[in-house]
Amino acid sequence: MSVTLKPLESYRDDFTFRNSPEAIARFPFPFPEDKYMYSVNIEPAGSGAPGSVFEHCFDIDEHYRSETAERARVLKKDPQRCIVMPHMHEASWDALEMLMTHLAADYPELFRLSCDGDQWTWENHALDLRQRFTFGDADTLPYEPLEYIGRQVQGDFALLDQRDGDLFMDAGIVTGPADWSLAFDAGMSFKQWHAPVPMAPELGVFDRALKYLLNIAVERPVRRLNWTMTINPRLDTSSETFHEWGHERGQVTADNVAGLVHLRVELQHMARLPRSNALLFGIRTYLISLEELASNPAWARRLHRVLRDLPEAIADYKGLTRYRPLVVEWLSQFDPESAAA
């Protein structure tokens, strides 16, 4: 599928981000049933239907230029959004190779990679970039390898070092997190950075997930969907910037709920890096307003039921408590069961 890139939109200030009808149609709606509970919902990656967000391992869509511009803006203000511990440099080159190889193969109209031994040439036609460099020599790139390629891909990336039967978040480029911080989580183990999640530990979700992730093989990547909600189409809802966006949860009213509240879905991609044996953990974020989502009434009906019956502990963890009643009330118009009641 050829990608049509939109002009620059904003994820802050005037919030000009909007989804085209085509983007709405391919949105990864995360609910297979009318209720939600944590689960290890993992499946093979890179094998989805043509044109869907699941077609390729790393999805590029109409918002590419806007999202990469937002990433550059965040990194300029806070360089600590990209962290690479010394022992993760090989994994960074691993990640660069994986991302460049996939992008060039899957989107040849946008990217091209030429390799002559360790002399590589990377072309990014979407951003008008051309870079010749020596693979393995960071001095031949304008940024450290993870940051260089990370600035040119949609979504955040963490590199997880595998040792002592665990995974450690020892590198990453994270400019659009859902209320967490790379600087805070850097160096933590798998269970440590998931510790705030309610209910999942007693269900054994993380024990099963960690066991599965430790055994991911090279060339057998997997994926899963995660979700939350965000006020305004704001990508950077990091812990560091809570003072910029936290108060927006109190701005939702019955009159503006449809345009202000956005379903935020993460397509999480996990792949084994062959040289370093690290695990690449990609977090590709998609945003859709309730108004856009309701153009598919079946989605609106299901989201109504999911949010209506969501356990309080999960709603509170996801930051929905303050405005959930307004969202549920607005979505009820699309649910025949609610209308009948």
C-alpha atoms as a PDB file:
ATOM      1  CA  MET A   1       0.000   0.000   0.000  1.00  0.00           C
ATOM      2  CA  SER A   2       1.334   3.412  -0.957  1.00  0.00           C
ATOM      3  CA  VAL A   3       1.282   5.903   1.915  1.00  0.00           C
ATOM      4  CA  THR A   4      -0.150   9.379   1.355  1.00  0.00           C
ATOM      5  CA  LEU A   5       1.537  11.722   3.823  1.00  0.00           C
ATOM      6  CA  LYS A   6      -0.438  14.654   5.206  1.00  0.00           C
ATOM      7  CA  PRO A   7       0.990  18.142   5.759  1.00  0.00           C
ATOM      8  CA  LEU A   8       2.259  18.958   9.237  1.00  0.00           C
ATOM      9  CA  GLU A   9      -0.288  18.781  12.045  1.00  0.00           C
ATOM     10  CA  SER A  10       0.246  19.548  15.730  1.00  0.00           C
ATOM     11  CA  TYR A  11       0.028  17.303  18.812  1.00  0.00           C
ATOM     12  CA  ARG A  12       0.040  20.301  21.179  1.00  0.00           C
ATOM     13  CA  ASP A  13      -1.063  23.935  21.453  1.00  0.00           C
ATOM     14  CA  ASP A  14      -3.753  24.276  18.748  1.00  0.00           C
ATOM     15  CA  PHE A  15      -4.066  20.472  18.268  1.00  0.00           C
ATOM     16  CA  THR A  16      -4.675  20.374  14.514  1.00  0.00           C
ATOM     17  CA  PHE A  17      -4.221  16.571  14.384  1.00  0.00           C
ATOM     18  CA  ARG A  18      -7.122  14.811  12.651  1.00  0.00           C
ATOM     19  CA  ASN A  19      -7.618  11.366  11.111  1.00  0.00           C
ATOM     20  CA  SER A  20      -8.724  10.994   7.506  1.00  0.00           C
ATOM     21  CA  PRO A  21     -11.537   8.500   6.775  1.00  0.00           C
ATOM     22  CA  GLU A  22      -8.831   6.100   5.590  1.00  0.00           C
ATOM     23  CA  ALA A  23      -6.938   6.407   8.872  1.00  0.00           C
ATOM     24  CA  ILE A  24     -10.127   5.830  10.850  1.00  0.00           C
ATOM     25  CA  ALA A  25     -10.908   2.700   8.832  1.00  0.00           C
ATOM     26  CA  ARG A  26      -7.498   1.177   9.644  1.00  0.00           C
ATOM     27  CA  PHE A  27      -7.444   2.251  13.292  1.00  0.00           C
ATOM     28  CA  PRO A  28      -6.464  -0.692  15.537  1.00  0.00           C
ATOM     29  CA  PHE A  29      -9.604  -0.914  17.668  1.00  0.00           C
ATOM     30  CA  PRO A  30      -8.404  -2.957  20.667  1.00  0.00           C
ATOM     31  CA  PHE A  31     -11.523  -4.640  22.035  1.00  0.00           C
ATOM     32  CA  PRO A  32     -12.484  -8.093  20.691  1.00  0.00           C
ATOM     33  CA  GLU A  33     -15.381  -8.334  23.141  1.00  0.00           C
ATOM     34  CA  ASP A  34     -17.678  -6.187  25.287  1.00  0.00           C
ATOM     35  CA  LYS A  35     -15.497  -6.356  28.393  1.00  0.00           C
ATOM     36  CA  TYR A  36     -11.840  -5.793  29.197  1.00  0.00           C
ATOM     37  CA  MET A  37      -9.369  -7.455  31.515  1.00  0.00           C
ATOM     38  CA  TYR A  38      -5.584  -7.698  31.400  1.00  0.00           C
ATOM     39  CA  SER A  39      -4.315 -10.627  29.356  1.00  0.00           C
ATOM     40  CA  VAL A  40      -1.222 -11.809  27.496  1.00  0.00           C
ATOM     41  CA  ASN A  41      -2.785 -10.993  24.127  1.00  0.00           C
ATOM     42  CA  ILE A  42       0.300 -11.724  22.027  1.00  0.00           C
ATOM     43  CA  GLU A  43       0.327 -12.893  18.403  1.00  0.00           C
ATOM     44  CA  PRO A  44       2.867 -13.116  15.524  1.00  0.00           C
ATOM     45  CA  ALA A  45       3.774  -9.738  14.026  1.00  0.00           C
ATOM     46  CA  GLY A  46       4.140  -8.578  10.428  1.00  0.00           C
ATOM     47  CA  SER A  47       1.480 -10.842   8.997  1.00  0.00           C
ATOM     48  CA  GLY A  48      -1.639  -8.714   8.838  1.00  0.00           C
ATOM     49  CA  ALA A  49      -4.066  -7.859   6.089  1.00  0.00           C
ATOM     50  CA  PRO A  50      -2.786  -5.605   3.266  1.00  0.00           C
ATOM     51  CA  GLY A  51      -3.341  -1.955   4.104  1.00  0.00           C
ATOM     52  CA  SER A  52      -3.908  -2.611   7.813  1.00  0.00           C
ATOM     53  CA  VAL A  53      -1.666  -1.384  10.627  1.00  0.00           C
ATOM     54  CA  PHE A  54      -0.646  -5.030  11.064  1.00  0.00           C
ATOM     55  CA  GLU A  55       0.635  -5.543   7.509  1.00  0.00           C
ATOM     56  CA  HIS A  56       4.234  -4.638   8.336  1.00  0.00           C
ATOM     57  CA  CYS A  57       6.311  -4.850  11.488  1.00  0.00           C
ATOM     58  CA  PHE A  58       6.708  -1.057  11.587  1.00  0.00           C
ATOM     59  CA  ASP A  59       3.722   0.920  10.402  1.00  0.00           C
ATOM     60  CA  ILE A  60       4.084   4.224   8.553  1.00  0.00           C
ATOM     61  CA  ASP A  61       0.904   6.234   8.015  1.00  0.00           C
ATOM     62  CA  GLU A  62      -0.393   9.641   6.967  1.00  0.00           C
ATOM     63  CA  HIS A  63       0.847  11.316  10.182  1.00  0.00           C
ATOM     64  CA  TYR A  64       4.511  10.423   9.578  1.00  0.00           C
ATOM     65  CA  ARG A  65       5.843  13.952   9.027  1.00  0.00           C
ATOM     66  CA  SER A  66       3.831  15.347  11.942  1.00  0.00           C
ATOM     67  CA  GLU A  67       4.980  12.667  14.354  1.00  0.00           C
ATOM     68  CA  THR A  68       8.660  12.903  13.439  1.00  0.00           C
ATOM     69  CA  ALA A  69       8.470  16.705  13.791  1.00  0.00           C
ATOM     70  CA  GLU A  70       6.918  16.271  17.253  1.00  0.00           C
ATOM     71  CA  ARG A  71       9.712  13.870  18.217  1.00  0.00           C
ATOM     72  CA  ALA A  72      12.384  16.358  17.129  1.00  0.00           C
ATOM     73  CA  ARG A  73      10.688  19.084  19.165  1.00  0.00           C
ATOM     74  CA  VAL A  74      10.587  16.942  22.322  1.00  0.00           C
ATOM     75  CA  LEU A  75      14.216  15.814  21.958  1.00  0.00           C
ATOM     76  CA  LYS A  76      15.388  19.387  21.485  1.00  0.00           C
ATOM     77  CA  LYS A  77      13.713  20.365  24.749  1.00  0.00           C
ATOM     78  CA  ASP A  78      14.644  17.214  26.666  1.00  0.00           C
ATOM     79  CA  PRO A  79      17.577  15.159  25.290  1.00  0.00           C
ATOM     80  CA  GLN A  80      17.069  12.645  28.134  1.00  0.00           C
ATOM     81  CA  ARG A  81      14.166  11.196  26.179  1.00  0.00           C
ATOM     82  CA  CYS A  82      16.839   9.121  24.448  1.00  0.00           C
ATOM     83  CA  ILE A  83      19.020   7.047  26.783  1.00  0.00           C
ATOM     84  CA  VAL A  84      21.551   4.377  25.826  1.00  0.00           C
ATOM     85  CA  MET A  85      23.602   2.750  28.576  1.00  0.00           C
ATOM     86  CA  PRO A  86      27.180   1.909  27.532  1.00  0.00           C
ATOM     87  CA  HIS A  87      26.589  -1.834  27.249  1.00  0.00           C
ATOM     88  CA  MET A  88      23.675  -1.234  24.829  1.00  0.00           C
ATOM     89  CA  HIS A  89      25.601   0.289  21.917  1.00  0.00           C
ATOM     90  CA  GLU A  90      25.656  -2.995  19.989  1.00  0.00           C
ATOM     91  CA  ALA A  91      21.902  -3.301  20.523  1.00  0.00           C
ATOM     92  CA  SER A  92      21.489   0.230  19.141  1.00  0.00           C
ATOM     93  CA  TRP A  93      23.195  -0.759  15.902  1.00  0.00           C
ATOM     94  CA  ASP A  94      21.085  -3.915  15.890  1.00  0.00           C
ATOM     95  CA  ALA A  95      17.947  -1.766  16.116  1.00  0.00           C
ATOM     96  CA  LEU A  96      19.130   0.597  13.386  1.00  0.00           C
ATOM     97  CA  GLU A  97      19.730  -2.325  11.035  1.00  0.00           C
ATOM     98  CA  MET A  98      16.357  -3.906  11.765  1.00  0.00           C
ATOM     99  CA  LEU A  99      14.421  -0.677  11.313  1.00  0.00           C
ATOM    100  CA  MET A 100      16.228   0.451   8.168  1.00  0.00           C
ATOM    101  CA  THR A 101      15.924  -2.984   6.572  1.00  0.00           C
ATOM    102  CA  HIS A 102      12.196  -3.255   7.239  1.00  0.00           C
ATOM    103  CA  LEU A 103      11.373   0.315   6.222  1.00  0.00           C
ATOM    104  CA  ALA A 104      13.286   0.062   2.941  1.00  0.00           C
ATOM    105  CA  ALA A 105      11.654  -3.272   2.080  1.00  0.00           C
ATOM    106  CA  ASP A 106       8.123  -2.320   3.110  1.00  0.00           C
ATOM    107  CA  TYR A 107       8.005   1.323   1.929  1.00  0.00           C
ATOM    108  CA  PRO A 108      10.364   1.561  -1.077  1.00  0.00           C
ATOM    109  CA  GLU A 109       8.694   4.782  -2.221  1.00  0.00           C
ATOM    110  CA  LEU A 110       9.798   6.469   1.020  1.00  0.00           C
ATOM    111  CA  PHE A 111      13.042   4.761   2.087  1.00  0.00           C
ATOM    112  CA  ARG A 112      16.092   3.192   0.459  1.00  0.00           C
ATOM    113  CA  LEU A 113      19.053   1.367   1.990  1.00  0.00           C
ATOM    114  CA  SER A 114      22.245   0.488   0.090  1.00  0.00           C
ATOM    115  CA  CYS A 115      24.991  -1.579   1.726  1.00  0.00           C
ATOM    116  CA  ASP A 116      28.539  -2.215   0.491  1.00  0.00           C
ATOM    117  CA  GLY A 117      30.176  -4.094   3.307  1.00  0.00           C
ATOM    118  CA  ASP A 118      30.135  -1.744   6.286  1.00  0.00           C
ATOM    119  CA  GLN A 119      29.618   1.298   4.050  1.00  0.00           C
ATOM    120  CA  TRP A 120      25.906   2.080   4.108  1.00  0.00           C
ATOM    121  CA  THR A 121      23.775   4.740   2.455  1.00  0.00           C
ATOM    122  CA  TRP A 122      20.372   5.577   3.880  1.00  0.00           C
ATOM    123  CA  GLU A 123      17.812   7.658   1.989  1.00  0.00           C
ATOM    124  CA  ASN A 124      14.625   9.017   3.536  1.00  0.00           C
ATOM    125  CA  HIS A 125      12.620  10.664   0.778  1.00  0.00           C
ATOM    126  CA  ALA A 126       9.790  11.701   3.116  1.00  0.00           C
ATOM    127  CA  LEU A 127      12.140  13.883   5.183  1.00  0.00           C
ATOM    128  CA  ASP A 128      14.602  14.627   2.343  1.00  0.00           C
ATOM    129  CA  LEU A 129      17.546  12.968   4.114  1.00  0.00           C
ATOM    130  CA  ARG A 130      20.536  11.118   2.685  1.00  0.00           C
ATOM    131  CA  GLN A 131      23.263   9.764   4.931  1.00  0.00           C
ATOM    132  CA  ARG A 132      26.381   7.773   4.106  1.00  0.00           C
ATOM    133  CA  PHE A 133      27.901   6.113   7.164  1.00  0.00           C
ATOM    134  CA  THR A 134      30.059   3.273   8.360  1.00  0.00           C
ATOM    135  CA  PHE A 135      28.012   0.632  10.144  1.00  0.00           C
ATOM    136  CA  GLY A 136      29.327   0.296  13.684  1.00  0.00           C
ATOM    137  CA  ASP A 137      31.017   3.721  13.746  1.00  0.00           C
ATOM    138  CA  ALA A 138      28.800   6.233  15.562  1.00  0.00           C
ATOM    139  CA  ASP A 139      31.097   9.099  14.552  1.00  0.00           C
ATOM    140  CA  THR A 140      29.831   8.778  10.981  1.00  0.00           C
ATOM    141  CA  LEU A 141      26.245   9.594  12.001  1.00  0.00           C
ATOM    142  CA  PRO A 142      24.833  12.933  13.207  1.00  0.00           C
ATOM    143  CA  TYR A 143      23.332  11.178  16.251  1.00  0.00           C
ATOM    144  CA  GLU A 144      23.916   7.974  18.194  1.00  0.00           C
ATOM    145  CA  PRO A 145      22.460   5.122  16.048  1.00  0.00           C
ATOM    146  CA  LEU A 146      19.278   4.540  18.074  1.00  0.00           C
ATOM    147  CA  GLU A 147      18.486   8.247  18.104  1.00  0.00           C
ATOM    148  CA  TYR A 148      19.335   8.647  14.420  1.00  0.00           C
ATOM    149  CA  ILE A 149      16.879   6.021  13.205  1.00  0.00           C
ATOM    150  CA  GLY A 150      14.442   6.651  16.058  1.00  0.00           C
ATOM    151  CA  ARG A 151      13.947  10.218  14.837  1.00  0.00           C
ATOM    152  CA  GLN A 152      12.720   8.776  11.529  1.00  0.00           C
ATOM    153  CA  VAL A 153      10.228   6.157  12.711  1.00  0.00           C
ATOM    154  CA  GLN A 154       6.762   6.558  14.175  1.00  0.00           C
ATOM    155  CA  GLY A 155       6.420   5.225  17.694  1.00  0.00           C
ATOM    156  CA  ASP A 156       8.688   4.882  20.714  1.00  0.00           C
ATOM    157  CA  PHE A 157      11.326   2.210  21.220  1.00  0.00           C
ATOM    158  CA  ALA A 158      12.913   0.596  24.255  1.00  0.00           C
ATOM    159  CA  LEU A 159      15.826  -1.820  24.048  1.00  0.00           C
ATOM    160  CA  LEU A 160      15.637  -4.488  26.735  1.00  0.00           C
ATOM    161  CA  ASP A 161      18.799  -6.231  27.844  1.00  0.00           C
ATOM    162  CA  GLN A 162      18.203  -9.893  28.707  1.00  0.00           C
ATOM    163  CA  ARG A 163      20.216 -11.232  31.650  1.00  0.00           C
ATOM    164  CA  ASP A 164      19.687 -13.256  34.839  1.00  0.00           C
ATOM    165  CA  GLY A 165      16.348 -14.549  33.583  1.00  0.00           C
ATOM    166  CA  ASP A 166      14.896 -11.043  33.296  1.00  0.00           C
ATOM    167  CA  LEU A 167      14.582  -8.043  30.964  1.00  0.00           C
ATOM    168  CA  PHE A 168      16.004  -4.622  31.804  1.00  0.00           C
ATOM    169  CA  MET A 169      15.075  -1.324  30.156  1.00  0.00           C
ATOM    170  CA  ASP A 170      18.630  -0.173  29.473  1.00  0.00           C
ATOM    171  CA  ALA A 171      18.103   1.948  26.349  1.00  0.00           C
ATOM    172  CA  GLY A 172      15.306   3.710  24.533  1.00  0.00           C
ATOM    173  CA  ILE A 173      13.955   6.680  22.634  1.00  0.00           C
ATOM    174  CA  VAL A 174      10.607   7.649  24.157  1.00  0.00           C
ATOM    175  CA  THR A 175       8.983  10.980  23.297  1.00  0.00           C
ATOM    176  CA  GLY A 176       5.285  10.035  23.382  1.00  0.00           C
ATOM    177  CA  PRO A 177       4.673   7.846  26.439  1.00  0.00           C
ATOM    178  CA  ALA A 178       1.326   7.273  28.134  1.00  0.00           C
ATOM    179  CA  ASP A 179       2.077   8.710  31.595  1.00  0.00           C
ATOM    180  CA  TRP A 180       5.475   7.151  32.235  1.00  0.00           C
ATOM    181  CA  SER A 181       9.109   8.205  32.008  1.00  0.00           C
ATOM    182  CA  LEU A 182      12.081   6.566  30.302  1.00  0.00           C
ATOM    183  CA  ALA A 183      14.465   8.484  32.572  1.00  0.00           C
ATOM    184  CA  PHE A 184      12.699   7.044  35.626  1.00  0.00           C
ATOM    185  CA  ASP A 185      12.310   3.485  34.310  1.00  0.00           C
ATOM    186  CA  ALA A 186      15.797   3.179  32.782  1.00  0.00           C
ATOM    187  CA  GLY A 187      17.654   0.256  34.347  1.00  0.00           C
ATOM    188  CA  MET A 188      14.511  -1.276  35.855  1.00  0.00           C
ATOM    189  CA  SER A 189      13.564  -4.930  35.418  1.00  0.00           C
ATOM    190  CA  PHE A 190      10.394  -6.062  33.665  1.00  0.00           C
ATOM    191  CA  LYS A 191       8.336  -6.412  36.849  1.00  0.00           C
ATOM    192  CA  GLN A 192       9.737  -3.228  38.359  1.00  0.00           C
ATOM    193  CA  TRP A 193       8.534  -0.982  35.551  1.00  0.00           C
ATOM    194  CA  HIS A 194       5.160  -2.751  35.499  1.00  0.00           C
ATOM    195  CA  ALA A 195       4.738  -2.545  39.288  1.00  0.00           C
ATOM    196  CA  PRO A 196       2.106   0.270  39.217  1.00  0.00           C
ATOM    197  CA  VAL A 197      -0.329  -1.800  37.106  1.00  0.00           C
ATOM    198  CA  PRO A 198      -3.248  -2.930  39.321  1.00  0.00           C
ATOM    199  CA  MET A 199      -4.789  -6.416  39.372  1.00  0.00           C
ATOM    200  CA  ALA A 200      -2.368  -7.881  36.809  1.00  0.00           C
ATOM    201  CA  PRO A 201       0.136  -9.309  39.341  1.00  0.00           C
ATOM    202  CA  GLU A 202      -2.489 -11.359  41.182  1.00  0.00           C
ATOM    203  CA  LEU A 203      -3.744 -12.662  37.834  1.00  0.00           C
ATOM    204  CA  GLY A 204      -0.240 -13.862  36.980  1.00  0.00           C
ATOM    205  CA  VAL A 205      -0.213 -11.853  33.756  1.00  0.00           C
ATOM    206  CA  PHE A 206       3.323 -10.548  34.109  1.00  0.00           C
ATOM    207  CA  ASP A 207       4.801 -13.918  35.071  1.00  0.00           C
ATOM    208  CA  ARG A 208       3.385 -15.440  31.899  1.00  0.00           C
ATOM    209  CA  ALA A 209       4.341 -12.446  29.761  1.00  0.00           C
ATOM    210  CA  LEU A 210       7.953 -12.394  30.971  1.00  0.00           C
ATOM    211  CA  LYS A 211       8.360 -16.127  30.400  1.00  0.00           C
ATOM    212  CA  TYR A 212       7.026 -15.686  26.859  1.00  0.00           C
ATOM    213  CA  LEU A 213       9.203 -12.662  26.049  1.00  0.00           C
ATOM    214  CA  LEU A 214      12.392 -14.318  27.271  1.00  0.00           C
ATOM    215  CA  ASN A 215      11.865 -17.030  24.677  1.00  0.00           C
ATOM    216  CA  ILE A 216      11.157 -14.859  21.624  1.00  0.00           C
ATOM    217  CA  ALA A 217      13.398 -16.077  18.815  1.00  0.00           C
ATOM    218  CA  VAL A 218      15.153 -14.118  16.086  1.00  0.00           C
ATOM    219  CA  GLU A 219      12.886 -13.553  13.056  1.00  0.00           C
ATOM    220  CA  ARG A 220       9.791 -14.443  15.083  1.00  0.00           C
ATOM    221  CA  PRO A 221       8.548 -11.043  16.292  1.00  0.00           C
ATOM    222  CA  VAL A 222       5.267 -10.717  18.145  1.00  0.00           C
ATOM    223  CA  ARG A 223       2.769  -7.931  18.811  1.00  0.00           C
ATOM    224  CA  ARG A 224      -0.041  -6.951  21.135  1.00  0.00           C
ATOM    225  CA  LEU A 225      -2.423  -4.049  21.658  1.00  0.00           C
ATOM    226  CA  ASN A 226      -2.677  -1.892  24.757  1.00  0.00           C
ATOM    227  CA  TRP A 227      -4.942   1.107  25.347  1.00  0.00           C
ATOM    228  CA  THR A 228      -5.794   4.083  27.490  1.00  0.00           C
ATOM    229  CA  MET A 229      -7.457   7.455  26.885  1.00  0.00           C
ATOM    230  CA  THR A 230      -5.990  10.922  26.412  1.00  0.00           C
ATOM    231  CA  ILE A 231      -7.454  14.405  26.489  1.00  0.00           C
ATOM    232  CA  ASN A 232      -6.703  16.162  23.204  1.00  0.00           C
ATOM    233  CA  PRO A 233      -4.604  14.432  20.521  1.00  0.00           C
ATOM    234  CA  ARG A 234      -1.463  14.811  22.636  1.00  0.00           C
ATOM    235  CA  LEU A 235       1.359  12.335  22.072  1.00  0.00           C
ATOM    236  CA  ASP A 236       3.696  13.496  24.827  1.00  0.00           C
ATOM    237  CA  THR A 237       1.859  12.586  28.011  1.00  0.00           C
ATOM    238  CA  SER A 238       5.082  11.815  29.871  1.00  0.00           C
ATOM    239  CA  SER A 239       5.489  12.033  33.623  1.00  0.00           C
ATOM    240  CA  GLU A 240       7.893  14.935  33.082  1.00  0.00           C
ATOM    241  CA  THR A 241       5.214  17.011  31.342  1.00  0.00           C
ATOM    242  CA  PHE A 242       2.279  16.181  33.628  1.00  0.00           C
ATOM    243  CA  HIS A 243       2.063  19.858  34.568  1.00  0.00           C
ATOM    244  CA  GLU A 244       1.242  20.606  30.918  1.00  0.00           C
ATOM    245  CA  TRP A 245      -1.529  18.056  30.419  1.00  0.00           C
ATOM    246  CA  GLY A 246      -2.781  16.691  33.751  1.00  0.00           C
ATOM    247  CA  HIS A 247      -5.265  19.533  34.297  1.00  0.00           C
ATOM    248  CA  GLU A 248      -6.903  18.816  30.928  1.00  0.00           C
ATOM    249  CA  ARG A 249      -8.757  15.880  32.466  1.00  0.00           C
ATOM    250  CA  GLY A 250     -10.849  18.440  34.336  1.00  0.00           C
ATOM    251  CA  GLN A 251     -11.796  20.317  31.158  1.00  0.00           C
ATOM    252  CA  VAL A 252     -14.093  17.602  29.771  1.00  0.00           C
ATOM    253  CA  THR A 253     -17.786  18.555  29.645  1.00  0.00           C
ATOM    254  CA  ALA A 254     -20.888  17.065  28.087  1.00  0.00           C
ATOM    255  CA  ASP A 255     -20.518  19.592  25.275  1.00  0.00           C
ATOM    256  CA  ASN A 256     -16.895  18.921  24.335  1.00  0.00           C
ATOM    257  CA  VAL A 257     -16.411  15.261  25.290  1.00  0.00           C
ATOM    258  CA  ALA A 258     -16.707  13.933  21.720  1.00  0.00           C
ATOM    259  CA  GLY A 259     -13.913  16.087  20.380  1.00  0.00           C
ATOM    260  CA  LEU A 260     -11.688  16.312  23.436  1.00  0.00           C
ATOM    261  CA  VAL A 261     -11.453  12.686  24.603  1.00  0.00           C
ATOM    262  CA  HIS A 262      -9.324  10.362  22.498  1.00  0.00           C
ATOM    263  CA  LEU A 263      -8.913   6.606  22.602  1.00  0.00           C
ATOM    264  CA  ARG A 264      -5.167   5.967  22.668  1.00  0.00           C
ATOM    265  CA  VAL A 265      -4.051   2.580  21.363  1.00  0.00           C
ATOM    266  CA  GLU A 266      -0.523   1.218  21.465  1.00  0.00           C
ATOM    267  CA  LEU A 267       0.535  -1.387  18.942  1.00  0.00           C
ATOM    268  CA  GLN A 268       3.411  -2.978  20.830  1.00  0.00           C
ATOM    269  CA  HIS A 269       6.021  -4.833  18.795  1.00  0.00           C
ATOM    270  CA  MET A 270       8.607  -7.172  20.325  1.00  0.00           C
ATOM    271  CA  ALA A 271      11.506  -8.539  18.277  1.00  0.00           C
ATOM    272  CA  ARG A 272      14.770 -10.312  19.113  1.00  0.00           C
ATOM    273  CA  LEU A 273      17.889  -8.463  17.913  1.00  0.00           C
ATOM    274  CA  PRO A 274      20.323 -10.989  16.407  1.00  0.00           C
ATOM    275  CA  ARG A 275      23.748  -9.545  17.307  1.00  0.00           C
ATOM    276  CA  SER A 276      23.123  -8.403  20.879  1.00  0.00           C
ATOM    277  CA  ASN A 277      20.278 -10.764  21.852  1.00  0.00           C
ATOM    278  CA  ALA A 278      18.464  -7.717  23.249  1.00  0.00           C
ATOM    279  CA  LEU A 279      14.727  -7.360  22.777  1.00  0.00           C
ATOM    280  CA  LEU A 280      13.397  -4.437  20.770  1.00  0.00           C
ATOM    281  CA  PHE A 281      10.132  -3.199  22.260  1.00  0.00           C
ATOM    282  CA  GLY A 282       8.276  -0.826  19.936  1.00  0.00           C
ATOM    283  CA  ILE A 283       5.294   1.233  21.064  1.00  0.00           C
ATOM    284  CA  ARG A 284       3.390   2.658  18.093  1.00  0.00           C
ATOM    285  CA  THR A 285       0.645   5.021  19.301  1.00  0.00           C
ATOM    286  CA  TYR A 286      -2.619   5.721  17.461  1.00  0.00           C
ATOM    287  CA  LEU A 287      -5.088   8.419  18.529  1.00  0.00           C
ATOM    288  CA  ILE A 288      -8.753   8.754  17.610  1.00  0.00           C
ATOM    289  CA  SER A 289     -11.357  11.126  19.018  1.00  0.00           C
ATOM    290  CA  LEU A 290     -14.698   9.769  20.219  1.00  0.00           C
ATOM    291  CA  GLU A 291     -16.336  11.710  17.410  1.00  0.00           C
ATOM    292  CA  GLU A 292     -14.136  10.003  14.796  1.00  0.00           C
ATOM    293  CA  LEU A 293     -14.525   6.600  16.461  1.00  0.00           C
ATOM    294  CA  ALA A 294     -18.317   6.911  16.441  1.00  0.00           C
ATOM    295  CA  SER A 295     -18.273   6.967  12.638  1.00  0.00           C
ATOM    296  CA  ASN A 296     -18.140   3.211  13.229  1.00  0.00           C
ATOM    297  CA  PRO A 297     -21.230   2.667  15.441  1.00  0.00           C
ATOM    298  CA  ALA A 298     -20.164  -0.896  16.326  1.00  0.00           C
ATOM    299  CA  TRP A 299     -16.968   0.461  17.859  1.00  0.00           C
ATOM    300  CA  ALA A 300     -18.884   3.114  19.792  1.00  0.00           C
ATOM    301  CA  ARG A 301     -21.314   0.512  21.130  1.00  0.00           C
ATOM    302  CA  ARG A 302     -18.528  -1.795  22.284  1.00  0.00           C
ATOM    303  CA  LEU A 303     -16.457   1.000  23.827  1.00  0.00           C
ATOM    304  CA  HIS A 304     -19.540   2.074  25.774  1.00  0.00           C
ATOM    305  CA  ARG A 305     -19.879  -1.383  27.300  1.00  0.00           C
ATOM    306  CA  VAL A 306     -16.154  -1.736  28.011  1.00  0.00           C
ATOM    307  CA  LEU A 307     -15.922   1.612  29.826  1.00  0.00           C
ATOM    308  CA  ARG A 308     -19.258   1.196  31.613  1.00  0.00           C
ATOM    309  CA  ASP A 309     -18.159  -2.103  33.167  1.00  0.00           C
ATOM    310  CA  LEU A 310     -14.438  -1.389  33.593  1.00  0.00           C
ATOM    311  CA  PRO A 311     -13.180  -2.253  37.101  1.00  0.00           C
ATOM    312  CA  GLU A 312     -12.576   0.885  39.148  1.00  0.00           C
ATOM    313  CA  ALA A 313      -8.935  -0.011  39.839  1.00  0.00           C
ATOM    314  CA  ILE A 314      -8.165  -0.186  36.116  1.00  0.00           C
ATOM    315  CA  ALA A 315     -10.082   2.998  35.347  1.00  0.00           C
ATOM    316  CA  ASP A 316      -8.171   4.825  38.059  1.00  0.00           C
ATOM    317  CA  TYR A 317      -4.797   3.500  36.879  1.00  0.00           C
ATOM    318  CA  LYS A 318      -5.543   4.624  33.325  1.00  0.00           C
ATOM    319  CA  GLY A 319      -6.531   8.077  34.572  1.00  0.00           C
ATOM    320  CA  LEU A 320     -10.141   7.828  33.363  1.00  0.00           C
ATOM    321  CA  THR A 321     -12.001   8.221  36.652  1.00  0.00           C
ATOM    322  CA  ARG A 322     -12.625  11.950  36.486  1.00  0.00           C
ATOM    323  CA  TYR A 323     -14.288  11.998  33.053  1.00  0.00           C
ATOM    324  CA  ARG A 324     -15.419   8.384  32.512  1.00  0.00           C
ATOM    325  CA  PRO A 325     -19.099   9.097  33.376  1.00  0.00           C
ATOM    326  CA  LEU A 326     -19.256  11.767  30.668  1.00  0.00           C
ATOM    327  CA  VAL A 327     -17.716   9.424  28.111  1.00  0.00           C
ATOM    328  CA  VAL A 328     -20.026   6.563  29.025  1.00  0.00           C
ATOM    329  CA  GLU A 329     -23.068   8.840  28.844  1.00  0.00           C
ATOM    330  CA  TRP A 330     -22.088  10.173  25.404  1.00  0.00           C
ATOM    331  CA  LEU A 331     -21.386   6.688  24.034  1.00  0.00           C
ATOM    332  CA  SER A 332     -24.671   5.320  25.380  1.00  0.00           C
ATOM    333  CA  GLN A 333     -26.522   6.805  22.412  1.00  0.00           C
ATOM    334  CA  PHE A 334     -24.868   4.162  20.220  1.00  0.00           C
ATOM    335  CA  ASP A 335     -25.852   1.217  22.426  1.00  0.00           C
ATOM    336  CA  PRO A 336     -29.370  -0.176  21.888  1.00  0.00           C
ATOM    337  CA  GLU A 337     -29.241  -1.890  25.283  1.00  0.00           C
ATOM    338  CA  SER A 338     -28.694   1.438  26.998  1.00  0.00           C
ATOM    339  CA  ALA A 339     -31.451   3.097  24.990  1.00  0.00           C
ATOM    340  CA  ALA A 340     -33.857   0.317  25.899  1.00  0.00           C
ATOM    341  CA  ALA A 341     -33.062   0.700  29.567  1.00  0.00           C
END
